[in-house]
């Protein structure tokens, strides 16, 4: 059996507006705050670290903060813009 690296991130806030999803995460061991942004229309995503004192501002204005931070693009494949549905193969 191989151990898998696991980083326990806690979602502190999430919002969706006009196809843009923004999530504020906190990682306890490192005390890091990160903001994840997903454009469900284009499938583009980015994530960046935010200073704890500016976390709420970064959550409310992610693109302004991403421009001043080392934001990294995340994989854009596999993002569905359709509503989630549950199906079962039998």
C-alpha atoms as a PDB file:
ATOM      1  CA  UNK A   1       0.000   0.000   0.000  1.00  0.00           C
ATOM      2  CA  UNK A   2       1.291   3.458  -0.895  1.00  0.00           C
ATOM      3  CA  UNK A   3       0.592   6.486   1.244  1.00  0.00           C
ATOM      4  CA  UNK A   4      -1.000   9.375  -0.597  1.00  0.00           C
ATOM      5  CA  UNK A   5      -0.091  12.939   0.246  1.00  0.00           C
ATOM      6  CA  UNK A   6      -3.126  14.699   1.650  1.00  0.00           C
ATOM      7  CA  UNK A   7      -3.391  18.386   2.388  1.00  0.00           C
ATOM      8  CA  UNK A   8      -6.390  19.107   4.583  1.00  0.00           C
ATOM      9  CA  UNK A   9      -7.937  22.265   3.158  1.00  0.00           C
ATOM     10  CA  UNK A  10     -11.019  23.720   4.756  1.00  0.00           C
ATOM     11  CA  UNK A  11     -13.496  25.689   2.675  1.00  0.00           C
ATOM     12  CA  UNK A  12     -14.249  28.933   4.493  1.00  0.00           C
ATOM     13  CA  UNK A  13     -16.448  30.598   1.875  1.00  0.00           C
ATOM     14  CA  UNK A  14     -17.857  29.932  -1.587  1.00  0.00           C
ATOM     15  CA  UNK A  15     -19.823  32.078  -4.001  1.00  0.00           C
ATOM     16  CA  UNK A  16     -21.091  31.831  -7.550  1.00  0.00           C
ATOM     17  CA  UNK A  17     -21.995  34.735  -9.791  1.00  0.00           C
ATOM     18  CA  UNK A  18     -22.621  34.741 -13.540  1.00  0.00           C
ATOM     19  CA  UNK A  19     -20.705  31.502 -14.132  1.00  0.00           C
ATOM     20  CA  UNK A  20     -17.726  32.437 -11.939  1.00  0.00           C
ATOM     21  CA  UNK A  21     -17.149  30.314  -8.835  1.00  0.00           C
ATOM     22  CA  UNK A  22     -14.852  31.645  -6.108  1.00  0.00           C
ATOM     23  CA  UNK A  23     -13.747  29.579  -3.115  1.00  0.00           C
ATOM     24  CA  UNK A  24     -11.733  30.665  -0.084  1.00  0.00           C
ATOM     25  CA  UNK A  25      -9.635  27.865   1.436  1.00  0.00           C
ATOM     26  CA  UNK A  26      -7.545  27.624   4.602  1.00  0.00           C
ATOM     27  CA  UNK A  27      -4.901  24.954   5.153  1.00  0.00           C
ATOM     28  CA  UNK A  28      -4.350  24.386   8.877  1.00  0.00           C
ATOM     29  CA  UNK A  29      -0.834  22.831   8.951  1.00  0.00           C
ATOM     30  CA  UNK A  30       0.708  25.676   6.948  1.00  0.00           C
ATOM     31  CA  UNK A  31      -1.857  28.345   7.914  1.00  0.00           C
ATOM     32  CA  UNK A  32      -2.122  29.233   4.199  1.00  0.00           C
ATOM     33  CA  UNK A  33      -5.076  31.042   2.660  1.00  0.00           C
ATOM     34  CA  UNK A  34      -5.783  30.304  -1.001  1.00  0.00           C
ATOM     35  CA  UNK A  35      -8.398  31.562  -3.412  1.00  0.00           C
ATOM     36  CA  UNK A  36      -9.628  29.302  -6.230  1.00  0.00           C
ATOM     37  CA  UNK A  37     -11.519  30.788  -9.183  1.00  0.00           C
ATOM     38  CA  UNK A  38     -13.359  28.768 -11.826  1.00  0.00           C
ATOM     39  CA  UNK A  39     -15.004  30.189 -14.932  1.00  0.00           C
ATOM     40  CA  UNK A  40     -17.596  27.514 -15.699  1.00  0.00           C
ATOM     41  CA  UNK A  41     -18.237  28.917 -19.185  1.00  0.00           C
ATOM     42  CA  UNK A  42     -14.681  28.738 -20.488  1.00  0.00           C
ATOM     43  CA  UNK A  43     -13.386  26.062 -18.129  1.00  0.00           C
ATOM     44  CA  UNK A  44     -10.465  28.268 -17.099  1.00  0.00           C
ATOM     45  CA  UNK A  45      -9.372  28.121 -13.473  1.00  0.00           C
ATOM     46  CA  UNK A  46      -6.733  29.759 -11.337  1.00  0.00           C
ATOM     47  CA  UNK A  47      -5.567  29.594  -7.762  1.00  0.00           C
ATOM     48  CA  UNK A  48      -3.407  31.921  -5.720  1.00  0.00           C
ATOM     49  CA  UNK A  49      -2.280  32.429  -2.161  1.00  0.00           C
ATOM     50  CA  UNK A  50      -3.630  35.420  -0.249  1.00  0.00           C
ATOM     51  CA  UNK A  51      -2.388  37.174   2.829  1.00  0.00           C
ATOM     52  CA  UNK A  52      -4.561  36.344   5.826  1.00  0.00           C
ATOM     53  CA  UNK A  53      -5.208  40.006   6.580  1.00  0.00           C
ATOM     54  CA  UNK A  54      -6.556  40.514   3.041  1.00  0.00           C
ATOM     55  CA  UNK A  55      -8.360  37.174   2.645  1.00  0.00           C
ATOM     56  CA  UNK A  56     -11.889  38.562   2.507  1.00  0.00           C
ATOM     57  CA  UNK A  57     -10.892  41.296   0.074  1.00  0.00           C
ATOM     58  CA  UNK A  58      -9.152  38.705  -2.140  1.00  0.00           C
ATOM     59  CA  UNK A  59     -12.296  36.538  -1.983  1.00  0.00           C
ATOM     60  CA  UNK A  60     -14.485  39.476  -3.040  1.00  0.00           C
ATOM     61  CA  UNK A  61     -12.074  40.767  -5.718  1.00  0.00           C
ATOM     62  CA  UNK A  62     -10.078  37.723  -6.877  1.00  0.00           C
ATOM     63  CA  UNK A  63      -8.960  39.033 -10.262  1.00  0.00           C
ATOM     64  CA  UNK A  64      -7.493  42.215  -8.771  1.00  0.00           C
ATOM     65  CA  UNK A  65      -5.551  40.182  -6.209  1.00  0.00           C
ATOM     66  CA  UNK A  66      -4.504  37.512  -8.714  1.00  0.00           C
ATOM     67  CA  UNK A  67      -2.910  40.212 -10.864  1.00  0.00           C
ATOM     68  CA  UNK A  68      -0.646  41.192  -7.970  1.00  0.00           C
ATOM     69  CA  UNK A  69       0.117  37.621  -6.848  1.00  0.00           C
ATOM     70  CA  UNK A  70       1.779  34.589  -8.359  1.00  0.00           C
ATOM     71  CA  UNK A  71      -1.501  33.108  -9.594  1.00  0.00           C
ATOM     72  CA  UNK A  72      -1.220  29.743 -11.313  1.00  0.00           C
ATOM     73  CA  UNK A  73      -3.548  28.428 -13.939  1.00  0.00           C
ATOM     74  CA  UNK A  74      -5.157  25.122 -13.128  1.00  0.00           C
ATOM     75  CA  UNK A  75      -6.181  22.381 -15.550  1.00  0.00           C
ATOM     76  CA  UNK A  76      -9.054  23.450 -17.747  1.00  0.00           C
ATOM     77  CA  UNK A  77     -10.104  20.059 -19.036  1.00  0.00           C
ATOM     78  CA  UNK A  78     -12.962  18.108 -17.564  1.00  0.00           C
ATOM     79  CA  UNK A  79     -14.951  21.126 -16.455  1.00  0.00           C
ATOM     80  CA  UNK A  80     -18.606  20.729 -17.227  1.00  0.00           C
ATOM     81  CA  UNK A  81     -20.887  23.702 -17.635  1.00  0.00           C
ATOM     82  CA  UNK A  82     -24.037  21.596 -17.370  1.00  0.00           C
ATOM     83  CA  UNK A  83     -25.843  20.986 -14.090  1.00  0.00           C
ATOM     84  CA  UNK A  84     -24.606  18.015 -12.095  1.00  0.00           C
ATOM     85  CA  UNK A  85     -26.589  14.841 -12.462  1.00  0.00           C
ATOM     86  CA  UNK A  86     -26.229  11.509 -10.744  1.00  0.00           C
ATOM     87  CA  UNK A  87     -26.327   8.360 -12.808  1.00  0.00           C
ATOM     88  CA  UNK A  88     -25.617   4.743 -12.045  1.00  0.00           C
ATOM     89  CA  UNK A  89     -24.201   2.147 -14.407  1.00  0.00           C
ATOM     90  CA  UNK A  90     -25.640  -1.310 -13.876  1.00  0.00           C
END
